[in-house]
Amino acid sequence: MESSAAVEMMEAIDASTSALAAFVDLATGNVPVTGGQASGAADPLRDQADAHLDGLAELAKVEARLAALKVQLVAGYANAEKAMTPPAASPQDRTVRDMAVTAEVAGVLTISERAAGALLSEAHVLTTDLPLTLSALRAGTISWQHARIMVEETVNLDPAGAAALEAHFLDPAAPNAARGMPVGDLVPCRFRAKVRSWRERHHPVSIEKRHARSAADRRVEYCPDQDGMAWFSAYLPADQAAGIWDRSTAAARAMQGPGEARTLTQLRADVAATWLLTAGLEHTPAGTAAAGNGAGDEGPAGSRSASGVPSPAAQVLITVPALSLLGLTEETAMLDGYGPIPPSMARALVADGASSFRRVLTDPRDGAPLEIGRTSYRIPKPLRQWLRLRDAKCSFPACNNHSLDNDADHLLAWARGGPTGISNLGQPCPKHHRLKHGSTWTPTAASANGPPGWTSPTGRHYPSEQPDWEPPHWPPDIQAILACLDTGTREKAASPGDVPEAGRAAA
C-alpha cells in the first residue's frame, strides 16, 4: 500500500473520530450547547436527539473509511507476499503460497479461511479494477456493503464494462449518469437492484444468449428447516416467476377482510400451497383460472381452486421500447418488480396476448412512459398502473415493499385541495401509510417521473429513488431519416430512392 494513501486515510479517520467524539459528548450531555444560543434557550432534548443522529451518520463514515483501510492493508500484504515469491516457482508452489496468505489473513482477523479468501479477492478487485469505488469508500460516501455489491456485479465484465458501470453510479460527469439520490443514500438492496438492471442492459453478451443458457438450469429446490418447517423454492424464467408471485399476491389480498386473521404473507403462502396441492389444479383449463383476466378477477367463469381459495390474476406491467417491440432494435424490456428481460420474452408475452401482463410502451424521444391525467377523486386503474410503473416500490427510505402490496395515496389530501394526478400520488406500503397518518413523517412533492421523498420528524429530508430510464436506441435507418429532417432536407428524405426500404417501413 502506498505510504501517501495510508497517511491520507489515517488523517481522514482521525478527523472523523474527533467529530464523532464531539457528537457523543453533546449527545451524553458532557458539554453545554453552543452556537450563539444559551443552553436554557434551546431545546436540550432535541439537541441531544439530533446529536445522536449526527453521531450515527459520522460513525457510518468512520466504518466506511476503516473498511477502505482494511482493503488496502489486505491487498498490500498479498502484493508483498507475491513479490517475495521466486519467479521460477511452480504452479503448485504458488498455490501453496496463496493458501498460506489466506490462512495468515484468517488468523489475524479471526475469521474463516473462506471469508479471508473472499476478502482477499474483493480487496484485489477494488485496488486494481474499481478505483472510483475505493475512492468513495475512503471518503465515507458509500458503505462496505455498497463496495461489495459493485465487486460482485462487475464479475465477468471486461475492464471497459466494469469501468462504465462504476462511472455510471459514481462519476457525476459520466454520460447519462445515474439519476436521483447519491449511491450512498440508497440501502444496499436497492443499490444492488439498480446496478443489476444497468448491468443487464449493458452486458457485452446479449441478454438473449445469457437467458437461454440460464433457462436450462431451471429447477425446484427443497430445504428442511427448524421447527417442522422447510423452504420450497423454484428457479424459473422471470416472466413465469413474476406472474406466479403477483397472482398469488392478488389472490391473498382478495381473501383479506374483517374476518380474516392471517397476514398477507401468510395468506400468500397458503394460496400457493393450495394451488400446488389440490387436485383441482390439475384440471384447470389452460387460459382460464391459470391465466386470469385482470387484477381482482377470478377467471372467465369465476374460477376457484378445489379448497375454495379465490384465484384472481394480477396485472404484471411490462415496459417495452416501441422500436424493440417492432423488432427494429434489441433493447431490453423491463418487468415490474424484476428488472430487464430479453426482448424476445417481451415480444412473446405481448404477441401471445397474456392477459396477466399489461404492455407499457415508452416514449421514443426519451425512453420515459407518458403520464395519465385524471380529475376525479377515485384513482382509475390505468393511473394506478402508471403509479406502479413510476415508483416500482414503496418510496419510504429503505423500504423494499413491491408495488402490488402498496396503497395508492394522495400526497396532499383530496379534502385539502389535492388533485388526483400522478404528481400528487404515492404508493406507500400499509406500514408506512399508517406512519404518514400517525406521525409527522411527511411525503414531499412528486413529479410525473419521480416518486415522492420523505421528511422525518427531525426535519431531515430523504430523497426518493429515481427510475433509471435510458434514451432509446434508434436503428441506423431511422437515424438517417432524422438526420435528413434535422438538416432541413425534408424533400430529400421523402424521396423513395434516398431512404432504405427498411427505414421507410419503420417510418
Protein backbone atom coordinates (compact mmCIF):
# COMPACT_ATOMS: atom_id res chain seq x y z
CA MET A 1 0.00 0.00 0.00
CA GLU A 2 1.34 3.45 -0.89
CA SER A 3 2.53 5.43 2.13
CA SER A 4 0.76 8.62 0.99
CA ALA A 5 -2.57 6.82 0.72
CA ALA A 6 -2.06 5.36 4.19
CA VAL A 7 -1.28 8.77 5.66
CA GLU A 8 -4.31 10.38 3.99
CA MET A 9 -6.55 7.57 5.20
CA MET A 10 -5.35 7.85 8.80
CA GLU A 11 -5.82 11.63 8.74
CA ALA A 12 -9.39 11.20 7.48
CA ILE A 13 -10.11 8.60 10.17
CA ASP A 14 -8.64 10.88 12.86
CA ALA A 15 -10.84 13.76 11.67
CA SER A 16 -13.93 11.58 11.66
CA THR A 17 -13.09 10.22 15.12
CA SER A 18 -12.74 13.75 16.50
CA ALA A 19 -16.07 14.78 15.02
CA LEU A 20 -17.68 11.62 16.38
CA ALA A 21 -16.30 12.32 19.84
CA ALA A 22 -17.83 15.82 19.74
CA PHE A 23 -21.23 14.40 18.81
CA VAL A 24 -21.01 11.80 21.59
CA ASP A 25 -20.13 14.48 24.14
CA LEU A 26 -23.12 16.55 23.06
CA ALA A 27 -25.41 13.53 22.99
CA THR A 28 -24.46 12.47 26.50
CA GLY A 29 -24.69 16.00 27.89
CA ASN A 30 -20.98 16.30 28.73
CA VAL A 31 -20.69 19.69 27.02
CA PRO A 32 -23.11 22.64 27.02
CA VAL A 33 -25.00 23.65 23.88
CA THR A 34 -23.12 26.33 21.94
CA GLY A 35 -23.55 28.19 18.70
CA GLY A 36 -24.95 31.52 19.82
CA GLN A 37 -27.77 30.12 21.97
CA ALA A 38 -27.73 29.59 25.67
CA SER A 39 -28.49 26.06 26.77
CA GLY A 40 -31.62 27.29 28.54
CA ALA A 41 -32.97 28.95 25.40
CA ALA A 42 -32.64 25.84 23.24
CA ASP A 43 -34.47 22.52 23.47
CA PRO A 44 -31.87 20.31 25.18
CA LEU A 45 -33.68 17.06 24.43
CA ARG A 46 -33.99 17.94 20.74
CA ASP A 47 -30.31 18.90 20.67
CA GLN A 48 -29.35 15.58 22.22
CA ALA A 49 -31.57 13.64 19.80
CA ASP A 50 -30.02 15.44 16.84
CA ALA A 51 -26.53 14.81 18.22
CA HIS A 52 -27.26 11.06 18.41
CA LEU A 53 -28.35 11.04 14.77
CA ASP A 54 -25.39 13.15 13.65
CA GLY A 55 -23.11 10.80 15.57
CA LEU A 56 -24.58 7.79 13.79
CA ALA A 57 -24.05 9.48 10.42
CA GLU A 58 -20.43 10.23 11.29
CA LEU A 59 -19.92 6.70 12.62
CA ALA A 60 -21.07 5.31 9.24
CA LYS A 61 -18.32 7.36 7.58
CA VAL A 62 -15.74 6.06 10.07
CA GLU A 63 -16.80 2.46 9.39
CA ALA A 64 -16.51 3.00 5.63
CA ARG A 65 -13.05 4.53 5.96
CA LEU A 66 -11.91 1.70 8.22
CA ALA A 67 -13.20 -0.78 5.64
CA ALA A 68 -11.19 1.02 2.95
CA LEU A 69 -8.10 0.87 5.17
CA LYS A 70 -8.65 -2.86 5.74
CA VAL A 71 -8.93 -3.39 1.98
CA GLN A 72 -5.66 -1.56 1.36
CA LEU A 73 -3.84 -3.42 4.14
CA VAL A 74 -5.07 -6.81 2.93
CA ALA A 75 -4.19 -6.06 -0.69
CA GLY A 76 -0.81 -4.64 0.37
CA TYR A 77 0.05 -7.77 2.34
CA ALA A 78 -0.95 -10.02 -0.57
CA ASN A 79 1.13 -7.97 -3.00
CA ALA A 80 4.15 -8.05 -0.68
CA GLU A 81 3.96 -11.82 -0.36
CA LYS A 82 3.60 -12.15 -4.12
CA ALA A 83 6.70 -10.01 -4.63
CA MET A 84 8.70 -12.29 -2.34
CA THR A 85 7.74 -15.42 -4.31
CA PRO A 86 10.61 -16.56 -6.56
CA PRO A 87 9.85 -16.03 -10.28
CA ALA A 88 10.64 -19.66 -11.06
CA ALA A 89 8.12 -21.02 -8.57
CA SER A 90 5.97 -23.83 -9.91
CA PRO A 91 2.15 -23.60 -10.07
CA GLN A 92 2.00 -25.91 -7.06
CA ASP A 93 4.28 -23.60 -5.08
CA ARG A 94 2.14 -20.58 -5.98
CA THR A 95 -0.99 -22.42 -4.90
CA VAL A 96 0.57 -23.25 -1.55
CA ARG A 97 1.67 -19.61 -1.17
CA ASP A 98 -1.88 -18.41 -1.82
CA MET A 99 -3.19 -20.87 0.76
CA ALA A 100 -0.63 -19.61 3.26
CA VAL A 101 -1.60 -15.98 2.61
CA THR A 102 -5.29 -16.80 3.07
CA ALA A 103 -4.59 -18.70 6.29
CA GLU A 104 -2.49 -15.82 7.64
CA VAL A 105 -5.23 -13.24 6.98
CA ALA A 106 -7.82 -15.57 8.52
CA GLY A 107 -5.69 -15.97 11.65
CA VAL A 108 -5.03 -12.25 12.09
CA LEU A 109 -8.69 -11.26 11.63
CA THR A 110 -10.07 -14.35 13.43
CA ILE A 111 -12.31 -15.31 10.53
CA SER A 112 -12.72 -18.46 8.47
CA GLU A 113 -10.38 -19.15 5.58
CA ARG A 114 -13.36 -18.97 3.24
CA ALA A 115 -14.17 -15.44 4.46
CA ALA A 116 -10.49 -14.50 4.26
CA GLY A 117 -10.29 -15.74 0.67
CA ALA A 118 -13.35 -13.67 -0.27
CA LEU A 119 -11.83 -10.59 1.40
CA LEU A 120 -8.55 -11.06 -0.48
CA SER A 121 -10.43 -11.36 -3.78
CA GLU A 122 -12.56 -8.26 -3.07
CA ALA A 123 -9.51 -6.27 -1.99
CA HIS A 124 -7.68 -7.21 -5.21
CA VAL A 125 -10.61 -6.11 -7.40
CA LEU A 126 -11.13 -2.84 -5.52
CA THR A 127 -7.46 -1.84 -5.58
CA THR A 128 -6.85 -2.80 -9.22
CA ASP A 129 -10.11 -2.52 -11.18
CA LEU A 130 -12.51 -0.23 -9.29
CA PRO A 131 -10.70 2.99 -8.36
CA LEU A 132 -13.87 5.11 -8.10
CA THR A 133 -15.45 2.63 -5.71
CA LEU A 134 -12.37 2.54 -3.49
CA SER A 135 -12.18 6.35 -3.51
CA ALA A 136 -15.84 6.63 -2.48
CA LEU A 137 -15.22 4.12 0.31
CA ARG A 138 -12.22 6.14 1.50
CA ALA A 139 -14.32 9.30 1.51
CA GLY A 140 -17.06 7.58 3.51
CA THR A 141 -19.74 8.32 0.90
CA ILE A 142 -20.57 4.63 0.38
CA SER A 143 -20.57 1.70 2.78
CA TRP A 144 -18.66 -1.56 2.65
CA GLN A 145 -21.89 -3.28 1.54
CA HIS A 146 -22.10 -0.92 -1.45
CA ALA A 147 -18.47 -1.65 -2.37
CA ARG A 148 -19.04 -5.41 -2.19
CA ILE A 149 -22.09 -5.12 -4.45
CA MET A 150 -20.01 -3.26 -7.01
CA VAL A 151 -17.39 -6.02 -6.88
CA GLU A 152 -19.98 -8.79 -7.26
CA GLU A 153 -21.87 -7.14 -10.12
CA THR A 154 -18.72 -6.46 -12.18
CA VAL A 155 -17.76 -10.15 -12.20
CA ASN A 156 -17.45 -11.43 -15.78
CA LEU A 157 -17.41 -7.89 -17.18
CA ASP A 158 -14.41 -6.82 -19.21
CA PRO A 159 -12.38 -3.85 -17.89
CA ALA A 160 -14.24 -1.39 -20.12
CA GLY A 161 -17.62 -2.69 -18.98
CA ALA A 162 -16.65 -2.57 -15.30
CA ALA A 163 -15.33 0.98 -15.70
CA ALA A 164 -18.54 2.07 -17.44
CA LEU A 165 -20.74 0.56 -14.73
CA GLU A 166 -18.67 2.16 -11.98
CA ALA A 167 -18.67 5.55 -13.71
CA HIS A 168 -22.45 5.47 -14.24
CA PHE A 169 -23.08 5.35 -10.50
CA LEU A 170 -20.04 7.11 -9.02
CA ASP A 171 -18.94 9.70 -11.60
CA PRO A 172 -21.40 12.64 -11.87
CA ALA A 173 -19.68 13.73 -15.08
CA ALA A 174 -20.26 10.40 -16.83
CA PRO A 175 -22.58 10.37 -19.87
CA ASN A 176 -26.12 9.59 -18.73
CA ALA A 177 -25.07 9.33 -15.08
CA ALA A 178 -27.43 7.70 -12.59
CA ARG A 179 -30.37 9.93 -11.61
CA GLY A 180 -31.74 10.70 -8.19
CA MET A 181 -30.08 10.36 -4.83
CA PRO A 182 -26.35 9.61 -4.34
CA VAL A 183 -25.37 5.95 -4.26
CA GLY A 184 -24.52 6.09 -0.56
CA ASP A 185 -28.08 7.16 0.28
CA LEU A 186 -29.53 4.00 -1.27
CA VAL A 187 -29.89 1.00 1.02
CA PRO A 188 -27.71 -1.85 -0.30
CA CYS A 189 -30.58 -4.00 -1.58
CA ARG A 190 -31.93 -1.12 -3.68
CA PHE A 191 -28.46 -0.25 -4.90
CA ARG A 192 -27.98 -3.85 -6.00
CA ALA A 193 -31.25 -3.75 -7.94
CA LYS A 194 -30.21 -0.60 -9.82
CA VAL A 195 -26.70 -1.89 -10.53
CA ARG A 196 -28.05 -5.22 -11.75
CA SER A 197 -30.54 -3.52 -14.06
CA TRP A 198 -27.83 -1.35 -15.61
CA ARG A 199 -25.51 -4.36 -15.94
CA GLU A 200 -28.21 -6.39 -17.69
CA ARG A 201 -28.82 -3.60 -20.21
CA HIS A 202 -25.13 -3.05 -20.99
CA HIS A 203 -23.59 -6.50 -20.62
CA PRO A 204 -21.31 -7.31 -23.59
CA VAL A 205 -23.00 -10.68 -24.02
CA SER A 206 -26.56 -10.46 -25.33
CA ILE A 207 -29.23 -10.97 -22.70
CA GLU A 208 -30.87 -13.39 -25.12
CA LYS A 209 -27.83 -15.69 -25.00
CA ARG A 210 -27.43 -15.42 -21.23
CA HIS A 211 -31.12 -16.08 -20.67
CA ALA A 212 -31.09 -19.15 -22.93
CA ARG A 213 -28.10 -20.53 -21.04
CA SER A 214 -29.62 -19.86 -17.61
CA ALA A 215 -33.07 -21.16 -18.54
CA ALA A 216 -31.51 -24.60 -18.97
CA ASP A 217 -30.73 -24.53 -15.22
CA ARG A 218 -34.35 -24.04 -14.10
CA ARG A 219 -35.18 -26.21 -11.11
CA VAL A 220 -37.18 -26.60 -7.90
CA GLU A 221 -35.36 -26.87 -4.58
CA TYR A 222 -36.41 -28.21 -1.18
CA CYS A 223 -34.51 -27.46 2.05
CA PRO A 224 -35.62 -28.68 5.51
CA ASP A 225 -35.54 -26.06 8.27
CA GLN A 226 -36.14 -25.88 12.03
CA ASP A 227 -39.40 -26.21 13.97
CA GLY A 228 -41.10 -28.51 11.50
CA MET A 229 -40.70 -26.05 8.60
CA ALA A 230 -38.97 -26.20 5.23
CA TRP A 231 -38.10 -23.96 2.28
CA PHE A 232 -39.56 -24.68 -1.17
CA SER A 233 -38.22 -22.51 -3.98
CA ALA A 234 -38.12 -22.51 -7.76
CA TYR A 235 -35.58 -21.08 -10.20
CA LEU A 236 -37.70 -20.03 -13.19
CA PRO A 237 -37.70 -17.60 -16.13
CA ALA A 238 -38.52 -14.12 -14.88
CA ASP A 239 -41.89 -13.80 -16.59
CA GLN A 240 -43.14 -17.05 -15.06
CA ALA A 241 -41.83 -16.23 -11.59
CA ALA A 242 -43.26 -12.68 -11.67
CA GLY A 243 -46.63 -13.96 -12.83
CA ILE A 244 -46.76 -16.58 -10.05
CA TRP A 245 -45.75 -14.05 -7.39
CA ASP A 246 -48.19 -11.35 -8.46
CA ARG A 247 -51.06 -13.76 -8.98
CA SER A 248 -50.60 -15.32 -5.53
CA THR A 249 -50.38 -11.83 -4.02
CA ALA A 250 -53.59 -10.73 -5.73
CA ALA A 251 -55.37 -13.90 -4.54
CA ALA A 252 -54.14 -13.31 -0.99
CA ARG A 253 -55.35 -9.70 -1.00
CA ALA A 254 -58.76 -10.84 -2.26
CA MET A 255 -59.07 -13.04 0.83
CA GLN A 256 -58.32 -10.23 3.30
CA GLY A 257 -61.20 -8.82 5.29
CA PRO A 258 -62.54 -8.18 8.80
CA GLY A 259 -62.97 -11.89 9.47
CA GLU A 260 -59.51 -12.93 8.21
CA ALA A 261 -56.82 -13.11 10.90
CA ARG A 262 -53.97 -14.23 8.65
CA THR A 263 -51.45 -11.69 7.40
CA LEU A 264 -50.84 -11.05 3.70
CA THR A 265 -47.58 -13.02 3.92
CA GLN A 266 -49.35 -16.00 5.50
CA LEU A 267 -52.20 -15.84 3.00
CA ARG A 268 -49.78 -15.75 0.08
CA ALA A 269 -48.06 -18.91 1.34
CA ASP A 270 -51.41 -20.65 1.94
CA VAL A 271 -52.65 -19.74 -1.54
CA ALA A 272 -49.50 -21.09 -3.20
CA ALA A 273 -49.67 -24.31 -1.19
CA THR A 274 -53.35 -24.72 -2.06
CA TRP A 275 -52.71 -24.31 -5.76
CA LEU A 276 -49.86 -26.81 -5.72
CA LEU A 277 -51.50 -29.47 -3.55
CA THR A 278 -55.16 -29.51 -4.56
CA ALA A 279 -56.24 -32.00 -7.17
CA GLY A 280 -58.48 -29.39 -8.81
CA LEU A 281 -55.42 -27.55 -10.11
CA GLU A 282 -54.66 -30.47 -12.41
CA HIS A 283 -57.98 -29.96 -14.23
CA THR A 284 -57.82 -26.18 -14.53
CA PRO A 285 -58.30 -25.37 -18.24
CA ALA A 286 -55.37 -23.55 -19.78
CA GLY A 287 -56.08 -19.88 -20.21
CA THR A 288 -58.88 -19.69 -17.60
CA ALA A 289 -58.03 -19.62 -13.92
CA ALA A 290 -54.39 -20.27 -14.71
CA ALA A 291 -54.13 -17.04 -16.68
CA GLY A 292 -56.96 -14.93 -15.32
CA ASN A 293 -58.31 -11.82 -16.90
CA GLY A 294 -57.04 -8.97 -14.78
CA ALA A 295 -56.29 -7.88 -11.25
CA GLY A 296 -59.10 -8.78 -8.92
CA ASP A 297 -60.79 -11.15 -11.42
CA GLU A 298 -61.46 -14.78 -10.76
CA GLY A 299 -61.09 -16.06 -14.32
CA PRO A 300 -63.68 -16.11 -17.08
CA ALA A 301 -66.09 -18.22 -15.05
CA GLY A 302 -65.17 -17.04 -11.58
CA SER A 303 -62.82 -20.00 -11.18
CA ARG A 304 -61.73 -21.13 -7.73
CA SER A 305 -59.42 -23.87 -6.55
CA ALA A 306 -60.76 -27.09 -5.05
CA SER A 307 -60.36 -25.71 -1.49
CA GLY A 308 -62.36 -22.56 -2.28
CA VAL A 309 -59.39 -20.21 -2.45
CA PRO A 310 -60.15 -17.43 -4.97
CA SER A 311 -57.60 -17.23 -7.77
CA PRO A 312 -57.61 -13.78 -9.39
CA ALA A 313 -54.74 -12.99 -11.69
CA ALA A 314 -52.51 -9.96 -11.21
CA GLN A 315 -51.65 -7.42 -13.87
CA VAL A 316 -47.90 -7.52 -14.35
CA LEU A 317 -46.56 -4.38 -16.04
CA ILE A 318 -44.03 -4.91 -18.81
CA THR A 319 -42.34 -1.82 -20.25
CA VAL A 320 -41.23 -2.30 -23.85
CA PRO A 321 -39.44 0.25 -26.07
CA ALA A 322 -41.67 0.72 -29.08
CA LEU A 323 -38.93 0.02 -31.61
CA SER A 324 -37.85 -3.10 -29.72
CA LEU A 325 -41.41 -4.40 -29.81
CA LEU A 326 -41.37 -3.97 -33.59
CA GLY A 327 -38.14 -5.94 -33.81
CA LEU A 328 -36.12 -2.98 -35.11
CA THR A 329 -33.84 -2.90 -32.06
CA GLU A 330 -32.78 -5.36 -29.37
CA GLU A 331 -33.30 -3.09 -26.34
CA THR A 332 -34.24 -4.88 -23.15
CA ALA A 333 -37.73 -4.62 -21.71
CA MET A 334 -38.46 -4.02 -18.01
CA LEU A 335 -40.60 -6.41 -15.98
CA ASP A 336 -42.27 -4.77 -12.98
CA GLY A 337 -40.73 -6.00 -9.74
CA TYR A 338 -37.86 -7.78 -11.51
CA GLY A 339 -35.87 -5.66 -13.96
CA PRO A 340 -34.54 -6.14 -17.50
CA ILE A 341 -35.73 -9.14 -19.52
CA PRO A 342 -34.81 -10.29 -23.06
CA PRO A 343 -36.73 -8.51 -25.82
CA SER A 344 -37.83 -11.89 -27.20
CA MET A 345 -39.57 -12.66 -23.91
CA ALA A 346 -41.36 -9.29 -24.03
CA ARG A 347 -42.46 -9.82 -27.63
CA ALA A 348 -43.75 -13.29 -26.81
CA LEU A 349 -45.78 -12.01 -23.85
CA VAL A 350 -47.36 -9.29 -25.98
CA ALA A 351 -47.90 -11.48 -29.05
CA ASP A 352 -49.46 -14.32 -27.05
CA GLY A 353 -51.97 -11.92 -25.54
CA ALA A 354 -51.12 -12.99 -21.99
CA SER A 355 -53.91 -11.31 -20.05
CA SER A 356 -51.89 -11.14 -16.83
CA PHE A 357 -49.34 -8.84 -18.49
CA ARG A 358 -50.10 -5.23 -19.40
CA ARG A 359 -47.88 -3.67 -22.03
CA VAL A 360 -46.48 -0.17 -21.47
CA LEU A 361 -44.76 1.44 -24.46
CA THR A 362 -42.06 4.01 -23.75
CA ASP A 363 -41.78 7.40 -25.40
CA PRO A 364 -39.34 7.09 -28.34
CA ARG A 365 -37.95 10.54 -27.56
CA ASP A 366 -36.54 9.97 -24.06
CA GLY A 367 -37.43 6.44 -23.00
CA ALA A 368 -39.96 7.51 -20.33
CA PRO A 369 -43.62 6.41 -20.20
CA LEU A 370 -46.35 9.01 -20.66
CA GLU A 371 -48.34 10.47 -17.76
CA ILE A 372 -52.06 9.73 -17.45
CA GLY A 373 -54.03 12.67 -16.00
CA ARG A 374 -57.33 12.43 -14.11
CA THR A 375 -59.54 14.93 -12.30
CA SER A 376 -61.76 12.76 -10.06
CA TYR A 377 -61.06 11.58 -6.52
CA ARG A 378 -61.26 7.91 -7.45
CA ILE A 379 -57.94 6.67 -8.82
CA PRO A 380 -58.69 4.70 -12.01
CA LYS A 381 -56.90 1.50 -12.89
CA PRO A 382 -54.64 2.97 -15.63
CA LEU A 383 -53.40 5.65 -13.24
CA ARG A 384 -52.71 3.05 -10.54
CA GLN A 385 -50.69 1.07 -13.07
CA TRP A 386 -48.68 4.14 -14.05
CA LEU A 387 -48.07 4.76 -10.34
CA ARG A 388 -46.67 1.24 -10.05
CA LEU A 389 -44.51 1.86 -13.07
CA ARG A 390 -43.13 5.15 -11.76
CA ASP A 391 -42.39 4.06 -8.17
CA ALA A 392 -41.88 0.26 -8.51
CA LYS A 393 -41.98 0.01 -4.70
CA CYS A 394 -42.84 1.92 -1.54
CA SER A 395 -40.90 5.20 -1.73
CA PHE A 396 -40.17 5.32 2.03
CA PRO A 397 -36.43 5.28 2.82
CA ALA A 398 -35.01 1.74 2.93
CA CYS A 399 -38.39 0.12 2.19
CA ASN A 400 -38.35 -2.57 -0.49
CA ASN A 401 -42.05 -3.45 -0.50
CA HIS A 402 -43.23 -4.17 -4.05
CA SER A 403 -45.96 -2.21 -5.79
CA LEU A 404 -48.67 -4.85 -5.67
CA ASP A 405 -48.73 -4.79 -1.86
CA ASN A 406 -48.93 -0.99 -1.59
CA ASP A 407 -51.72 1.59 -1.30
CA ALA A 408 -52.43 4.40 -3.75
CA ASP A 409 -52.45 7.58 -1.68
CA HIS A 410 -52.94 11.34 -2.25
CA LEU A 411 -49.83 13.19 -1.05
CA LEU A 412 -51.90 16.32 -0.43
CA ALA A 413 -55.30 15.13 0.76
CA TRP A 414 -58.21 15.49 -1.65
CA ALA A 415 -60.17 17.30 1.07
CA ARG A 416 -57.40 19.91 1.28
CA GLY A 417 -57.35 20.60 -2.45
CA GLY A 418 -55.03 17.85 -3.61
CA PRO A 419 -55.74 16.71 -7.20
CA THR A 420 -55.90 13.12 -8.41
CA GLY A 421 -52.91 13.38 -10.71
CA ILE A 422 -49.70 11.42 -10.95
CA SER A 423 -47.74 14.31 -9.39
CA ASN A 424 -49.91 14.16 -6.25
CA LEU A 425 -49.91 10.39 -5.79
CA GLY A 426 -47.67 7.98 -3.97
CA GLN A 427 -47.89 4.30 -3.16
CA PRO A 428 -46.70 3.73 0.43
CA CYS A 429 -46.89 0.23 1.83
CA PRO A 430 -49.56 -0.26 4.55
CA LYS A 431 -46.95 0.13 7.31
CA HIS A 432 -45.63 3.47 6.07
CA HIS A 433 -49.11 4.63 5.08
CA ARG A 434 -50.05 4.32 8.75
CA LEU A 435 -46.82 6.07 9.71
CA LYS A 436 -47.73 9.00 7.46
CA HIS A 437 -51.11 9.50 9.13
CA GLY A 438 -49.95 8.68 12.68
CA SER A 439 -46.75 10.73 12.88
CA THR A 440 -45.09 13.80 11.41
CA TRP A 441 -43.27 11.83 8.72
CA THR A 442 -44.34 13.73 5.61
CA PRO A 443 -44.01 12.85 1.90
CA THR A 444 -42.56 15.58 -0.30
CA ALA A 445 -43.71 16.56 -3.77
CA ALA A 446 -43.61 14.04 -6.58
CA SER A 447 -43.45 14.54 -10.34
CA ALA A 448 -44.58 12.70 -13.43
CA ASN A 449 -41.37 10.69 -13.48
CA GLY A 450 -40.13 10.95 -9.89
CA PRO A 451 -41.57 9.36 -6.72
CA PRO A 452 -42.04 11.46 -3.57
CA GLY A 453 -39.29 11.79 -0.99
CA TRP A 454 -39.88 12.00 2.76
CA THR A 455 -39.18 14.46 5.58
CA SER A 456 -38.65 13.00 9.05
CA PRO A 457 -39.94 14.46 12.36
CA THR A 458 -36.42 15.82 12.97
CA GLY A 459 -36.51 17.78 9.72
CA ARG A 460 -34.12 15.55 7.81
CA HIS A 461 -35.02 15.05 4.15
CA TYR A 462 -34.67 11.67 2.45
CA PRO A 463 -34.91 11.94 -1.36
CA SER A 464 -36.70 9.36 -3.45
CA GLU A 465 -35.07 6.69 -5.53
CA GLN A 466 -35.34 7.69 -9.18
CA PRO A 467 -36.09 5.29 -12.06
CA ASP A 468 -33.00 4.75 -14.18
CA TRP A 469 -34.52 5.16 -17.64
CA GLU A 470 -32.28 5.49 -20.66
CA PRO A 471 -32.76 7.15 -24.05
CA PRO A 472 -33.87 4.69 -26.74
CA HIS A 473 -31.51 3.26 -29.32
CA TRP A 474 -32.55 4.22 -32.84
CA PRO A 475 -31.83 1.87 -35.77
CA PRO A 476 -29.47 3.25 -38.43
CA ASP A 477 -32.29 3.57 -40.99
CA ILE A 478 -34.35 5.78 -38.70
CA GLN A 479 -31.25 7.76 -37.74
CA ALA A 480 -30.75 8.50 -41.43
CA ILE A 481 -34.31 9.82 -41.67
CA LEU A 482 -33.84 12.03 -38.61
CA ALA A 483 -30.54 13.35 -39.96
CA CYS A 484 -32.26 14.39 -43.16
CA LEU A 485 -35.03 16.12 -41.26
CA ASP A 486 -32.57 17.90 -38.96
CA THR A 487 -30.70 19.37 -41.90
CA GLY A 488 -33.88 20.73 -43.44
CA THR A 489 -33.90 18.35 -46.43
CA ARG A 490 -37.43 17.03 -46.00
CA GLU A 491 -37.89 16.69 -49.74
CA LYS A 492 -34.80 14.50 -49.98
CA ALA A 493 -35.96 12.33 -47.09
CA ALA A 494 -39.33 11.91 -48.78
CA SER A 495 -37.70 10.66 -51.99
CA PRO A 496 -38.07 6.85 -52.21
CA GLY A 497 -34.58 6.47 -53.64
CA ASP A 498 -32.81 8.22 -50.75
CA VAL A 499 -34.18 6.22 -47.85
CA PRO A 500 -33.56 2.49 -47.40
CA GLU A 501 -36.64 0.30 -47.70
CA ALA A 502 -36.39 -0.83 -44.06
CA GLY A 503 -36.25 2.81 -42.97
CA ARG A 504 -39.39 3.71 -44.95
CA ALA A 505 -41.20 0.77 -43.38
CA ALA A 506 -40.08 1.80 -39.91
CA ALA A 507 -41.14 5.39 -40.52
